[in-house]
N, C-alpha and C. Protein backbone atom coordinates (compact mmCIF):
# COMPACT_ATOMS: atom_id res chain seq x y z
N MET A 1 -5.75 56.17 131.33
CA MET A 1 -4.51 55.50 131.72
C MET A 1 -4.85 54.19 132.47
N LYS A 2 -5.87 54.28 133.31
CA LYS A 2 -6.24 53.11 134.09
C LYS A 2 -6.67 51.96 133.18
N TYR A 3 -7.34 52.30 132.10
CA TYR A 3 -7.80 51.28 131.17
C TYR A 3 -6.63 50.53 130.54
N ASN A 4 -5.57 51.29 130.25
CA ASN A 4 -4.39 50.70 129.65
C ASN A 4 -3.82 49.61 130.55
N ILE A 5 -3.79 49.88 131.84
CA ILE A 5 -3.25 48.92 132.80
C ILE A 5 -4.12 47.66 132.80
N TYR A 6 -5.42 47.87 132.72
CA TYR A 6 -6.35 46.75 132.72
C TYR A 6 -6.09 45.84 131.52
N ILE A 7 -5.89 46.45 130.37
CA ILE A 7 -5.61 45.69 129.15
C ILE A 7 -4.30 44.93 129.30
N PHE A 8 -3.32 45.59 129.90
CA PHE A 8 -2.02 44.95 130.09
C PHE A 8 -2.16 43.72 130.97
N LEU A 9 -2.89 43.87 132.05
CA LEU A 9 -3.10 42.74 132.98
C LEU A 9 -3.87 41.62 132.29
N ASN A 10 -4.84 41.99 131.51
CA ASN A 10 -5.63 41.01 130.78
C ASN A 10 -4.75 40.23 129.82
N THR A 11 -3.87 40.93 129.12
CA THR A 11 -2.97 40.27 128.18
C THR A 11 -2.06 39.30 128.90
N LEU A 12 -1.55 39.71 130.06
CA LEU A 12 -0.67 38.84 130.84
C LEU A 12 -1.42 37.60 131.29
N ASN A 13 -2.63 37.79 131.75
CA ASN A 13 -3.45 36.67 132.19
C ASN A 13 -3.71 35.71 131.04
N TYR A 14 -3.99 36.25 129.87
CA TYR A 14 -4.26 35.44 128.69
C TYR A 14 -3.02 34.61 128.33
N CYS A 15 -1.86 35.26 128.37
CA CYS A 15 -0.60 34.57 128.06
C CYS A 15 -0.37 33.43 129.05
N SER A 16 -0.64 33.70 130.31
CA SER A 16 -0.45 32.70 131.36
C SER A 16 -1.39 31.51 131.12
N PHE A 17 -2.61 31.82 130.77
CA PHE A 17 -3.60 30.78 130.52
C PHE A 17 -3.18 29.92 129.32
N GLU A 18 -2.72 30.55 128.28
CA GLU A 18 -2.29 29.83 127.08
C GLU A 18 -1.12 28.92 127.42
N HIS A 19 -0.24 29.42 128.24
CA HIS A 19 0.94 28.64 128.62
C HIS A 19 0.55 27.43 129.48
N LYS A 20 -0.42 27.67 130.35
CA LYS A 20 -0.87 26.61 131.25
C LYS A 20 -1.54 25.49 130.46
N THR A 21 -2.28 25.85 129.45
CA THR A 21 -3.01 24.86 128.66
C THR A 21 -2.04 23.97 127.90
């Protein structure tokens, strides 16, 4: 379950980075 949260956070971070660029 913990891994799932990590992936979710990673996806959010990636989206934020893409938006920032």
